[in-house]
Amino acid sequence: MISVNPEGLSERENYKFLTGSIIPRPVALVTTQSETGVLNIAPFSFFNIVSSNPPMISVSVQRKKGVSKDTARNAIETGEFVVHITDEDNVVDANQTAAELPAEESELRLTNFTTTASDKVAVPGLREAKVRLECKLERAIPLAGSSDKPGCDLLIGKVVCYHIKQDIYHNGRIDQNGLKPVARLAGHTYTKLGELFDLERP
């Protein structure tokens, strides 16, 4: 087995090692809104559950040369965001939102997504997603890098409303085959649900 000291690697090399080994990763498609009303849409695979009581999720937004991205800045300024689960039906449009646009331009025009009003937050959701989570910002934590130039913004969101497509929700459970989630691997590669198996806990 090879041992590698991450302190001897560049940021890009560490990124490649982590994203190539921590797989598959679910993809959060996040909408935020600037204080001037511009809708921002962006995908993030540094995403997971934090807690179920209360329901909280995390999205890590990597900074660019120490500068926060629109998603983090908007979420911090307004205290709200909406997370959508990326699936086989929307992944192409979700990928389009990764384009780097000026803060005053919305990624919506690059996609076939349409917006829908949220119930508990001002930020609109995307109608085409089968699952979306309206979130209030619980905490934003600048991490990594140096103290004066953090490497990322870790957003912790408290889920205040769930929206689930009716035909994939049965007896309090989400039909994973109906959801058809996709996940990120390394580079430009995604994966679908493969062979499933169960293991009972001891």
N, C-alpha and C. Protein backbone atom coordinates (compact mmCIF):
# COMPACT_ATOMS: atom_id res chain seq x y z
N MET A 1 0.84 -1.19 0.00
CA MET A 1 0.00 0.00 0.00
C MET A 1 0.88 1.25 0.00
N ILE A 2 0.48 2.24 -0.79
CA ILE A 2 1.22 3.49 -0.88
C ILE A 2 0.72 4.46 0.18
N SER A 3 1.62 5.12 0.87
CA SER A 3 1.26 6.16 1.84
C SER A 3 1.64 7.52 1.26
N VAL A 4 0.71 8.47 1.32
CA VAL A 4 0.93 9.79 0.75
C VAL A 4 0.60 10.85 1.79
N ASN A 5 1.48 11.79 1.99
CA ASN A 5 1.25 12.90 2.91
C ASN A 5 0.52 14.01 2.17
N PRO A 6 -0.72 14.32 2.56
CA PRO A 6 -1.47 15.35 1.83
C PRO A 6 -0.81 16.73 1.87
N GLU A 7 0.03 16.96 2.88
CA GLU A 7 0.70 18.27 2.97
C GLU A 7 1.72 18.44 1.86
N GLY A 8 2.12 17.34 1.24
CA GLY A 8 3.06 17.42 0.13
C GLY A 8 2.38 17.51 -1.22
N LEU A 9 1.05 17.53 -1.23
CA LEU A 9 0.30 17.60 -2.48
C LEU A 9 -0.24 19.00 -2.69
N SER A 10 -0.49 19.35 -3.93
CA SER A 10 -1.13 20.62 -4.25
C SER A 10 -2.62 20.50 -3.95
N GLU A 11 -3.30 21.64 -3.96
CA GLU A 11 -4.75 21.63 -3.75
C GLU A 11 -5.44 20.76 -4.80
N ARG A 12 -4.99 20.86 -6.04
CA ARG A 12 -5.60 20.09 -7.12
C ARG A 12 -5.35 18.59 -6.94
N GLU A 13 -4.16 18.24 -6.51
CA GLU A 13 -3.85 16.83 -6.29
C GLU A 13 -4.67 16.25 -5.14
N ASN A 14 -4.85 17.02 -4.07
CA ASN A 14 -5.70 16.57 -2.97
C ASN A 14 -7.15 16.41 -3.44
N TYR A 15 -7.61 17.35 -4.26
CA TYR A 15 -8.96 17.28 -4.80
C TYR A 15 -9.16 15.99 -5.59
N LYS A 16 -8.20 15.68 -6.45
CA LYS A 16 -8.31 14.48 -7.27
C LYS A 16 -8.29 13.21 -6.42
N PHE A 17 -7.45 13.20 -5.38
CA PHE A 17 -7.39 12.02 -4.52
C PHE A 17 -8.72 11.82 -3.79
N LEU A 18 -9.26 12.89 -3.23
CA LEU A 18 -10.51 12.79 -2.47
C LEU A 18 -11.69 12.44 -3.36
N THR A 19 -11.83 13.15 -4.49
CA THR A 19 -13.00 12.92 -5.34
C THR A 19 -12.91 11.60 -6.09
N GLY A 20 -11.71 11.04 -6.19
CA GLY A 20 -11.57 9.74 -6.83
C GLY A 20 -11.76 8.58 -5.88
N SER A 21 -11.69 8.84 -4.58
CA SER A 21 -11.82 7.75 -3.61
C SER A 21 -13.11 7.81 -2.80
N ILE A 22 -13.62 8.99 -2.54
CA ILE A 22 -14.87 9.10 -1.78
C ILE A 22 -16.01 9.16 -2.79
N ILE A 23 -16.43 7.98 -3.21
CA ILE A 23 -17.43 7.84 -4.27
C ILE A 23 -18.40 6.72 -3.93
N PRO A 24 -19.62 6.78 -4.45
CA PRO A 24 -20.23 7.89 -5.18
C PRO A 24 -20.69 8.98 -4.22
N ARG A 25 -20.84 10.21 -4.72
CA ARG A 25 -21.30 11.32 -3.91
C ARG A 25 -22.61 11.86 -4.48
N PRO A 26 -23.65 12.00 -3.65
CA PRO A 26 -24.90 12.60 -4.15
C PRO A 26 -24.65 14.04 -4.56
N VAL A 27 -25.47 14.53 -5.47
CA VAL A 27 -25.29 15.87 -6.00
C VAL A 27 -26.45 16.77 -5.57
N ALA A 28 -26.12 17.79 -4.81
CA ALA A 28 -27.12 18.79 -4.41
C ALA A 28 -27.17 19.87 -5.48
N LEU A 29 -28.35 20.11 -6.02
CA LEU A 29 -28.55 21.23 -6.94
C LEU A 29 -29.17 22.35 -6.11
N VAL A 30 -28.42 23.41 -5.89
CA VAL A 30 -28.81 24.43 -4.91
C VAL A 30 -29.26 25.71 -5.60
N THR A 31 -30.43 26.22 -5.17
CA THR A 31 -30.85 27.54 -5.60
C THR A 31 -30.70 28.51 -4.43
N THR A 32 -30.18 29.67 -4.75
CA THR A 32 -30.11 30.78 -3.81
C THR A 32 -30.54 32.03 -4.56
N GLN A 33 -30.77 33.09 -3.80
CA GLN A 33 -31.18 34.34 -4.43
C GLN A 33 -30.38 35.49 -3.83
N SER A 34 -29.87 36.34 -4.71
CA SER A 34 -29.10 37.47 -4.22
C SER A 34 -30.03 38.50 -3.61
N GLU A 35 -29.45 39.45 -2.91
CA GLU A 35 -30.26 40.50 -2.30
C GLU A 35 -30.93 41.38 -3.35
N THR A 36 -30.44 41.33 -4.59
CA THR A 36 -31.07 42.09 -5.67
C THR A 36 -32.04 41.24 -6.48
N GLY A 37 -32.25 39.97 -6.06
CA GLY A 37 -33.25 39.13 -6.68
C GLY A 37 -32.78 38.21 -7.78
N VAL A 38 -31.46 38.13 -8.01
CA VAL A 38 -30.94 37.23 -9.06
C VAL A 38 -30.93 35.80 -8.53
N LEU A 39 -31.53 34.88 -9.29
CA LEU A 39 -31.57 33.47 -8.91
C LEU A 39 -30.28 32.79 -9.34
N ASN A 40 -29.58 32.17 -8.40
CA ASN A 40 -28.37 31.42 -8.70
C ASN A 40 -28.68 29.94 -8.57
N ILE A 41 -28.18 29.13 -9.50
CA ILE A 41 -28.35 27.68 -9.46
C ILE A 41 -26.98 27.04 -9.64
N ALA A 42 -26.63 26.09 -8.76
CA ALA A 42 -25.31 25.45 -8.89
C ALA A 42 -25.33 24.06 -8.27
N PRO A 43 -24.57 23.11 -8.86
CA PRO A 43 -24.50 21.74 -8.33
C PRO A 43 -23.28 21.57 -7.42
N PHE A 44 -23.45 20.78 -6.36
CA PHE A 44 -22.36 20.50 -5.41
C PHE A 44 -22.41 19.04 -4.98
N SER A 45 -21.26 18.36 -5.08
CA SER A 45 -21.22 16.96 -4.66
C SER A 45 -20.57 16.79 -3.29
N PHE A 46 -20.15 17.88 -2.66
CA PHE A 46 -19.68 17.82 -1.27
C PHE A 46 -20.92 18.09 -0.41
N PHE A 47 -21.77 17.08 -0.27
CA PHE A 47 -23.15 17.24 0.23
C PHE A 47 -23.57 16.01 1.01
N ASN A 48 -24.22 16.22 2.17
CA ASN A 48 -24.70 15.06 2.93
C ASN A 48 -25.68 15.46 4.03
N ILE A 49 -26.19 14.44 4.76
CA ILE A 49 -27.06 14.64 5.92
C ILE A 49 -26.19 14.98 7.12
N VAL A 50 -26.67 15.88 7.96
CA VAL A 50 -26.01 16.20 9.21
C VAL A 50 -26.77 15.62 10.39
N SER A 51 -28.09 15.78 10.37
CA SER A 51 -28.91 15.36 11.50
C SER A 51 -30.34 15.13 11.04
N SER A 52 -31.04 14.22 11.73
CA SER A 52 -32.47 14.04 11.45
C SER A 52 -33.34 14.67 12.53
N ASN A 53 -32.74 15.11 13.64
CA ASN A 53 -33.50 15.74 14.73
C ASN A 53 -32.69 16.88 15.33
N PRO A 54 -32.89 18.10 14.78
CA PRO A 54 -33.78 18.46 13.68
C PRO A 54 -33.17 18.07 12.34
N PRO A 55 -33.98 18.04 11.27
CA PRO A 55 -33.43 17.66 9.96
C PRO A 55 -32.48 18.75 9.45
N MET A 56 -31.22 18.37 9.25
CA MET A 56 -30.22 19.32 8.76
C MET A 56 -29.34 18.64 7.72
N ILE A 57 -28.91 19.42 6.76
CA ILE A 57 -28.03 18.92 5.70
C ILE A 57 -26.82 19.86 5.59
N SER A 58 -25.76 19.36 4.94
CA SER A 58 -24.57 20.18 4.74
C SER A 58 -24.22 20.26 3.27
N VAL A 59 -23.76 21.42 2.86
CA VAL A 59 -23.22 21.62 1.52
C VAL A 59 -21.93 22.40 1.67
N SER A 60 -20.83 21.84 1.18
CA SER A 60 -19.54 22.52 1.25
C SER A 60 -19.28 23.19 -0.10
N VAL A 61 -19.14 24.51 -0.05
CA VAL A 61 -18.93 25.29 -1.26
C VAL A 61 -17.47 25.76 -1.29
N GLN A 62 -16.70 25.20 -2.21
CA GLN A 62 -15.29 25.54 -2.30
C GLN A 62 -15.13 26.99 -2.79
N ARG A 63 -14.23 27.71 -2.14
CA ARG A 63 -13.94 29.08 -2.58
C ARG A 63 -12.97 29.08 -3.76
N LYS A 64 -12.93 30.17 -4.48
CA LYS A 64 -11.99 30.33 -5.59
C LYS A 64 -11.01 31.44 -5.21
N LYS A 65 -9.76 31.05 -4.96
CA LYS A 65 -8.72 31.97 -4.52
C LYS A 65 -9.16 32.76 -3.29
N GLY A 66 -9.84 32.04 -2.39
CA GLY A 66 -10.26 32.65 -1.14
C GLY A 66 -11.56 33.42 -1.19
N VAL A 67 -12.16 33.54 -2.37
CA VAL A 67 -13.39 34.32 -2.55
C VAL A 67 -14.60 33.39 -2.57
N SER A 68 -15.62 33.71 -1.77
CA SER A 68 -16.83 32.88 -1.71
C SER A 68 -17.56 32.89 -3.04
N LYS A 69 -18.13 31.74 -3.40
CA LYS A 69 -18.94 31.65 -4.61
C LYS A 69 -20.32 32.26 -4.35
N ASP A 70 -21.05 32.50 -5.45
CA ASP A 70 -22.36 33.13 -5.33
C ASP A 70 -23.29 32.37 -4.40
N THR A 71 -23.27 31.03 -4.48
CA THR A 71 -24.16 30.22 -3.65
C THR A 71 -23.94 30.50 -2.17
N ALA A 72 -22.68 30.45 -1.74
CA ALA A 72 -22.39 30.69 -0.32
C ALA A 72 -22.71 32.12 0.08
N ARG A 73 -22.30 33.05 -0.75
CA ARG A 73 -22.55 34.46 -0.42
C ARG A 73 -24.05 34.75 -0.30
N ASN A 74 -24.83 34.25 -1.25
CA ASN A 74 -26.27 34.48 -1.20
C ASN A 74 -26.90 33.84 0.02
N ALA A 75 -26.50 32.59 0.30
CA ALA A 75 -27.08 31.87 1.45
C ALA A 75 -26.75 32.60 2.76
N ILE A 76 -25.54 33.10 2.86
CA ILE A 76 -25.13 33.81 4.07
C ILE A 76 -25.86 35.15 4.19
N GLU A 77 -26.02 35.86 3.07
CA GLU A 77 -26.66 37.17 3.11
C GLU A 77 -28.15 37.08 3.38
N THR A 78 -28.83 36.06 2.81
CA THR A 78 -30.28 35.96 2.96
C THR A 78 -30.72 34.95 4.01
N GLY A 79 -29.82 34.00 4.36
CA GLY A 79 -30.16 32.99 5.36
C GLY A 79 -31.04 31.87 4.83
N GLU A 80 -31.11 31.72 3.51
CA GLU A 80 -32.01 30.72 2.93
C GLU A 80 -31.39 30.08 1.68
N PHE A 81 -31.78 28.84 1.42
CA PHE A 81 -31.44 28.19 0.16
C PHE A 81 -32.34 26.98 -0.02
N VAL A 82 -32.38 26.44 -1.23
CA VAL A 82 -33.18 25.25 -1.53
C VAL A 82 -32.27 24.22 -2.19
N VAL A 83 -32.32 22.99 -1.68
CA VAL A 83 -31.52 21.89 -2.23
C VAL A 83 -32.43 20.93 -2.99
N HIS A 84 -32.03 20.60 -4.20
CA HIS A 84 -32.77 19.64 -5.03
C HIS A 84 -31.89 18.42 -5.24
N ILE A 85 -32.51 17.24 -5.27
CA ILE A 85 -31.77 16.02 -5.54
C ILE A 85 -31.61 15.85 -7.05
N THR A 86 -30.37 15.70 -7.47
CA THR A 86 -30.10 15.54 -8.90
C THR A 86 -30.39 14.10 -9.31
N ASP A 87 -31.11 13.94 -10.42
CA ASP A 87 -31.52 12.60 -10.86
C ASP A 87 -31.28 12.44 -12.36
N GLU A 88 -31.59 11.25 -12.85
CA GLU A 88 -31.33 10.94 -14.27
C GLU A 88 -32.06 11.88 -15.21
N ASP A 89 -33.21 12.38 -14.79
CA ASP A 89 -34.02 13.23 -15.66
C ASP A 89 -33.56 14.68 -15.69
N ASN A 90 -32.85 15.12 -14.65
CA ASN A 90 -32.46 16.53 -14.63
C ASN A 90 -30.94 16.76 -14.63
N VAL A 91 -30.16 15.67 -14.69
CA VAL A 91 -28.70 15.81 -14.53
C VAL A 91 -28.06 16.63 -15.65
N VAL A 92 -28.57 16.55 -16.86
CA VAL A 92 -27.98 17.33 -17.96
C VAL A 92 -28.16 18.82 -17.70
N ASP A 93 -29.36 19.20 -17.30
CA ASP A 93 -29.61 20.61 -16.98
C ASP A 93 -28.83 21.02 -15.73
N ALA A 94 -28.75 20.12 -14.74
CA ALA A 94 -27.99 20.42 -13.53
C ALA A 94 -26.53 20.70 -13.88
N ASN A 95 -25.98 19.92 -14.79
CA ASN A 95 -24.59 20.10 -15.21
C ASN A 95 -24.39 21.45 -15.89
N GLN A 96 -25.39 21.91 -16.61
CA GLN A 96 -25.29 23.22 -17.28
C GLN A 96 -25.12 24.35 -16.29
N THR A 97 -25.66 24.17 -15.09
CA THR A 97 -25.59 25.25 -14.10
C THR A 97 -24.21 25.40 -13.48
N ALA A 98 -23.29 24.49 -13.80
CA ALA A 98 -21.92 24.61 -13.31
C ALA A 98 -21.14 25.67 -14.07
N ALA A 99 -21.73 26.24 -15.11
CA ALA A 99 -21.06 27.30 -15.88
C ALA A 99 -20.77 28.50 -14.98
N GLU A 100 -19.62 29.11 -15.19
CA GLU A 100 -19.26 30.28 -14.39
C GLU A 100 -19.82 31.54 -15.06
N LEU A 101 -20.79 32.14 -14.38
CA LEU A 101 -21.42 33.36 -14.89
C LEU A 101 -21.19 34.49 -13.90
N PRO A 102 -21.29 35.73 -14.36
CA PRO A 102 -21.22 36.86 -13.43
C PRO A 102 -22.36 36.78 -12.41
N ALA A 103 -22.16 37.34 -11.24
CA ALA A 103 -23.15 37.25 -10.16
C ALA A 103 -24.50 37.82 -10.56
N GLU A 104 -24.51 38.77 -11.49
CA GLU A 104 -25.77 39.40 -11.87
C GLU A 104 -26.53 38.62 -12.95
N GLU A 105 -26.00 37.46 -13.36
CA GLU A 105 -26.68 36.63 -14.36
C GLU A 105 -27.12 35.31 -13.74
N SER A 106 -28.31 34.86 -14.10
CA SER A 106 -28.84 33.60 -13.58
C SER A 106 -28.52 32.45 -14.53
N GLU A 107 -28.20 31.30 -13.95
CA GLU A 107 -27.96 30.09 -14.74
C GLU A 107 -29.24 29.51 -15.32
N LEU A 108 -30.38 29.99 -14.87
CA LEU A 108 -31.66 29.45 -15.30
C LEU A 108 -31.80 29.46 -16.82
N ARG A 109 -31.30 30.50 -17.45
CA ARG A 109 -31.44 30.63 -18.90
C ARG A 109 -30.66 29.57 -19.68
N LEU A 110 -29.71 28.90 -19.02
CA LEU A 110 -28.91 27.86 -19.67
C LEU A 110 -29.60 26.51 -19.65
N THR A 111 -30.75 26.43 -18.99
CA THR A 111 -31.40 25.15 -18.73
C THR A 111 -32.85 25.14 -19.20
N ASN A 112 -33.48 23.97 -19.03
CA ASN A 112 -34.92 23.84 -19.28
C ASN A 112 -35.71 23.87 -17.97
N PHE A 113 -35.04 24.20 -16.87
CA PHE A 113 -35.72 24.28 -15.59
C PHE A 113 -36.74 25.42 -15.57
N THR A 114 -37.80 25.21 -14.81
CA THR A 114 -38.76 26.28 -14.51
C THR A 114 -38.84 26.41 -13.00
N THR A 115 -39.14 27.60 -12.53
CA THR A 115 -39.15 27.84 -11.09
C THR A 115 -40.55 27.68 -10.50
N THR A 116 -40.58 27.44 -9.21
CA THR A 116 -41.83 27.35 -8.47
C THR A 116 -41.63 28.00 -7.11
N ALA A 117 -42.66 28.64 -6.60
CA ALA A 117 -42.55 29.34 -5.32
C ALA A 117 -42.35 28.34 -4.19
N SER A 118 -41.53 28.70 -3.23
CA SER A 118 -41.34 27.87 -2.04
C SER A 118 -42.40 28.23 -1.00
N ASP A 119 -42.58 27.35 -0.01
CA ASP A 119 -43.58 27.57 1.03
C ASP A 119 -43.04 28.36 2.22
N LYS A 120 -41.78 28.06 2.62
CA LYS A 120 -41.26 28.62 3.87
C LYS A 120 -40.08 29.57 3.68
N VAL A 121 -39.53 29.63 2.47
CA VAL A 121 -38.41 30.53 2.19
C VAL A 121 -38.73 31.35 0.94
N ALA A 122 -38.02 32.45 0.77
CA ALA A 122 -38.26 33.32 -0.37
C ALA A 122 -37.60 32.80 -1.64
N VAL A 123 -36.60 31.94 -1.49
CA VAL A 123 -35.85 31.42 -2.65
C VAL A 123 -36.74 30.46 -3.45
N PRO A 124 -36.90 30.65 -4.75
CA PRO A 124 -37.69 29.72 -5.56
C PRO A 124 -37.03 28.35 -5.66
N GLY A 125 -37.86 27.33 -5.91
CA GLY A 125 -37.36 25.99 -6.19
C GLY A 125 -37.46 25.71 -7.68
N LEU A 126 -36.98 24.52 -8.06
CA LEU A 126 -37.04 24.09 -9.45
C LEU A 126 -38.12 23.03 -9.59
N ARG A 127 -39.09 23.29 -10.42
CA ARG A 127 -40.27 22.45 -10.53
C ARG A 127 -39.94 21.03 -10.97
N GLU A 128 -38.89 20.85 -11.78
CA GLU A 128 -38.60 19.54 -12.37
C GLU A 128 -37.96 18.55 -11.40
N ALA A 129 -37.44 19.01 -10.27
CA ALA A 129 -36.81 18.10 -9.31
C ALA A 129 -37.87 17.27 -8.59
N LYS A 130 -37.58 15.98 -8.39
CA LYS A 130 -38.54 15.11 -7.72
C LYS A 130 -38.51 15.30 -6.21
N VAL A 131 -37.39 15.77 -5.69
CA VAL A 131 -37.27 16.07 -4.25
C VAL A 131 -36.57 17.40 -4.10
N ARG A 132 -37.14 18.28 -3.30
CA ARG A 132 -36.44 19.52 -2.96
C ARG A 132 -36.65 19.82 -1.48
N LEU A 133 -35.64 20.44 -0.91
CA LEU A 133 -35.60 20.71 0.52
C LEU A 133 -35.41 22.21 0.74
N GLU A 134 -36.42 22.84 1.28
CA GLU A 134 -36.30 24.25 1.62
C GLU A 134 -35.50 24.35 2.92
N CYS A 135 -34.49 25.20 2.93
CA CYS A 135 -33.59 25.27 4.08
C CYS A 135 -33.41 26.70 4.60
N LYS A 136 -33.34 26.80 5.91
CA LYS A 136 -32.89 28.02 6.58
C LYS A 136 -31.44 27.77 6.99
N LEU A 137 -30.61 28.76 6.78
CA LEU A 137 -29.20 28.61 7.12
C LEU A 137 -29.03 28.53 8.63
N GLU A 138 -28.58 27.38 9.10
CA GLU A 138 -28.32 27.19 10.52
C GLU A 138 -26.96 27.77 10.90
N ARG A 139 -25.98 27.53 10.04
CA ARG A 139 -24.63 28.03 10.31
C ARG A 139 -23.81 27.99 9.03
N ALA A 140 -22.94 28.97 8.89
CA ALA A 140 -21.98 28.99 7.79
C ALA A 140 -20.59 29.04 8.42
N ILE A 141 -19.77 28.06 8.09
CA ILE A 141 -18.47 27.93 8.73
C ILE A 141 -17.37 28.03 7.68
N PRO A 142 -16.53 29.08 7.73
CA PRO A 142 -15.38 29.13 6.82
C PRO A 142 -14.33 28.14 7.29
N LEU A 143 -13.85 27.31 6.38
CA LEU A 143 -12.92 26.24 6.76
C LEU A 143 -11.72 26.21 5.83
N ALA A 144 -10.68 25.54 6.30
CA ALA A 144 -9.49 25.22 5.50
C ALA A 144 -8.73 26.48 5.10
N GLY A 145 -7.74 26.30 4.26
CA GLY A 145 -6.92 27.42 3.84
C GLY A 145 -6.26 28.09 5.03
N SER A 146 -6.01 29.36 4.93
CA SER A 146 -5.42 30.12 6.03
C SER A 146 -6.52 30.91 6.73
N SER A 147 -6.21 31.47 7.89
CA SER A 147 -7.22 32.19 8.67
C SER A 147 -7.76 33.41 7.92
N ASP A 148 -6.92 34.03 7.09
CA ASP A 148 -7.38 35.21 6.36
C ASP A 148 -7.88 34.87 4.95
N LYS A 149 -7.73 33.60 4.55
CA LYS A 149 -8.20 33.20 3.22
C LYS A 149 -8.70 31.76 3.28
N PRO A 150 -9.93 31.55 3.84
CA PRO A 150 -10.47 30.19 3.95
C PRO A 150 -10.62 29.53 2.58
N GLY A 151 -10.61 28.18 2.59
CA GLY A 151 -10.71 27.44 1.34
C GLY A 151 -12.12 27.06 0.95
N CYS A 152 -13.05 27.08 1.93
CA CYS A 152 -14.43 26.72 1.61
C CYS A 152 -15.38 27.31 2.63
N ASP A 153 -16.66 27.34 2.25
CA ASP A 153 -17.73 27.72 3.17
C ASP A 153 -18.61 26.50 3.38
N LEU A 154 -18.66 26.00 4.62
CA LEU A 154 -19.51 24.87 4.94
C LEU A 154 -20.87 25.41 5.38
N LEU A 155 -21.89 25.13 4.58
CA LEU A 155 -23.24 25.60 4.88
C LEU A 155 -24.02 24.49 5.56
N ILE A 156 -24.54 24.77 6.74
CA ILE A 156 -25.42 23.83 7.44
C ILE A 156 -26.83 24.39 7.33
N GLY A 157 -27.72 23.65 6.70
CA GLY A 157 -29.08 24.11 6.51
C GLY A 157 -30.08 23.28 7.29
N LYS A 158 -31.00 23.95 7.97
CA LYS A 158 -32.11 23.26 8.64
C LYS A 158 -33.27 23.17 7.67
N VAL A 159 -33.72 21.95 7.40
CA VAL A 159 -34.80 21.74 6.45
C VAL A 159 -36.12 22.17 7.09
N VAL A 160 -36.81 23.11 6.47
CA VAL A 160 -38.06 23.62 7.01
C VAL A 160 -39.27 23.17 6.19
N CYS A 161 -39.01 22.58 5.03
CA CYS A 161 -40.12 22.03 4.23
C CYS A 161 -39.56 21.04 3.20
N TYR A 162 -40.22 19.88 3.10
CA TYR A 162 -39.89 18.90 2.08
C TYR A 162 -40.91 19.00 0.95
N HIS A 163 -40.45 18.81 -0.28
CA HIS A 163 -41.36 18.66 -1.42
C HIS A 163 -40.94 17.37 -2.13
N ILE A 164 -41.89 16.46 -2.33
CA ILE A 164 -41.61 15.14 -2.90
C ILE A 164 -42.65 14.84 -3.97
N LYS A 165 -42.19 14.41 -5.12
CA LYS A 165 -43.12 14.03 -6.18
C LYS A 165 -44.01 12.90 -5.68
N GLN A 166 -45.30 13.06 -5.83
CA GLN A 166 -46.26 12.16 -5.20
C GLN A 166 -46.09 10.70 -5.58
N ASP A 167 -45.77 10.43 -6.85
CA ASP A 167 -45.73 9.03 -7.28
C ASP A 167 -44.48 8.28 -6.84
N ILE A 168 -43.54 8.94 -6.15
CA ILE A 168 -42.39 8.20 -5.62
C ILE A 168 -42.40 8.14 -4.09
N TYR A 169 -43.50 8.57 -3.48
CA TYR A 169 -43.60 8.61 -2.02
C TYR A 169 -44.70 7.68 -1.55
N HIS A 170 -44.31 6.60 -0.84
CA HIS A 170 -45.28 5.58 -0.43
C HIS A 170 -45.05 5.21 1.04
N ASN A 171 -46.10 5.32 1.84
CA ASN A 171 -46.04 4.92 3.26
C ASN A 171 -44.85 5.54 4.00
N GLY A 172 -44.61 6.82 3.73
CA GLY A 172 -43.55 7.52 4.43
C GLY A 172 -42.15 7.24 3.91
N ARG A 173 -42.05 6.53 2.81
CA ARG A 173 -40.74 6.19 2.25
C ARG A 173 -40.64 6.66 0.79
N ILE A 174 -39.43 7.04 0.41
CA ILE A 174 -39.19 7.46 -0.97
C ILE A 174 -38.73 6.27 -1.79
N ASP A 175 -39.35 6.06 -2.93
CA ASP A 175 -38.99 4.98 -3.84
C ASP A 175 -37.69 5.36 -4.56
N GLN A 176 -36.59 4.71 -4.19
CA GLN A 176 -35.29 5.09 -4.75
C GLN A 176 -35.21 4.80 -6.25
N ASN A 177 -35.89 3.77 -6.70
CA ASN A 177 -35.89 3.47 -8.13
C ASN A 177 -36.69 4.50 -8.92
N GLY A 178 -37.72 5.04 -8.27
CA GLY A 178 -38.51 6.09 -8.91
C GLY A 178 -37.78 7.42 -8.89
N LEU A 179 -37.02 7.66 -7.85
CA LEU A 179 -36.24 8.90 -7.75
C LEU A 179 -35.14 8.93 -8.80
N LYS A 180 -34.52 7.78 -9.07
CA LYS A 180 -33.44 7.67 -10.05
C LYS A 180 -32.30 8.66 -9.78
N PRO A 181 -31.77 8.67 -8.55
CA PRO A 181 -30.70 9.63 -8.26
C PRO A 181 -29.43 9.30 -9.02
N VAL A 182 -28.65 10.33 -9.26
CA VAL A 182 -27.33 10.13 -9.84
C VAL A 182 -26.29 10.63 -8.84
N ALA A 183 -25.07 10.17 -9.00
CA ALA A 183 -23.99 10.57 -8.09
C ALA A 183 -22.74 10.87 -8.90
N ARG A 184 -21.87 11.70 -8.31
CA ARG A 184 -20.61 12.04 -8.94
C ARG A 184 -19.55 11.03 -8.59
N LEU A 185 -18.71 10.73 -9.58
CA LEU A 185 -17.48 9.99 -9.35
C LEU A 185 -16.35 11.01 -9.56
N ALA A 186 -15.24 10.60 -10.12
CA ALA A 186 -14.16 11.54 -10.37
C ALA A 186 -14.32 12.18 -11.74
N GLY A 187 -13.66 13.32 -11.92
CA GLY A 187 -13.67 13.98 -13.22
C GLY A 187 -15.06 14.36 -13.68
N HIS A 188 -15.40 13.98 -14.91
CA HIS A 188 -16.71 14.30 -15.48
C HIS A 188 -17.67 13.13 -15.39
N THR A 189 -17.34 12.12 -14.60
CA THR A 189 -18.11 10.88 -14.58
C THR A 189 -19.18 10.86 -13.49
N TYR A 190 -20.37 10.42 -13.89
CA TYR A 190 -21.49 10.23 -12.98
C TYR A 190 -21.86 8.75 -12.95
N THR A 191 -22.69 8.36 -11.99
CA THR A 191 -23.18 7.00 -11.95
C THR A 191 -24.65 6.99 -11.54
N LYS A 192 -25.36 5.92 -11.98
CA LYS A 192 -26.75 5.70 -11.59
C LYS A 192 -26.79 4.66 -10.49
N LEU A 193 -27.99 4.40 -9.97
CA LEU A 193 -28.13 3.30 -9.03
C LEU A 193 -27.77 2.00 -9.73
N GLY A 194 -26.94 1.20 -9.09
CA GLY A 194 -26.58 -0.10 -9.65
C GLY A 194 -27.29 -1.22 -8.93
N GLU A 195 -26.62 -2.34 -8.77
CA GLU A 195 -27.19 -3.48 -8.06
C GLU A 195 -27.33 -3.13 -6.58
N LEU A 196 -28.49 -3.41 -6.01
CA LEU A 196 -28.77 -3.10 -4.61
C LEU A 196 -28.74 -4.38 -3.78
N PHE A 197 -28.30 -4.26 -2.51
CA PHE A 197 -28.34 -5.41 -1.61
C PHE A 197 -28.57 -4.92 -0.19
N ASP A 198 -29.13 -5.77 0.64
CA ASP A 198 -29.44 -5.44 2.03
C ASP A 198 -28.53 -6.21 2.97
N LEU A 199 -28.18 -5.56 4.08
CA LEU A 199 -27.46 -6.21 5.17
C LEU A 199 -28.14 -5.80 6.48
N GLU A 200 -28.55 -6.77 7.26
CA GLU A 200 -29.16 -6.45 8.55
C GLU A 200 -28.06 -6.08 9.54
N ARG A 201 -28.33 -5.05 10.34
CA ARG A 201 -27.37 -4.65 11.35
C ARG A 201 -27.34 -5.66 12.50
N PRO A 202 -26.15 -5.89 13.07
CA PRO A 202 -26.07 -6.86 14.17
C PRO A 202 -26.72 -6.31 15.44
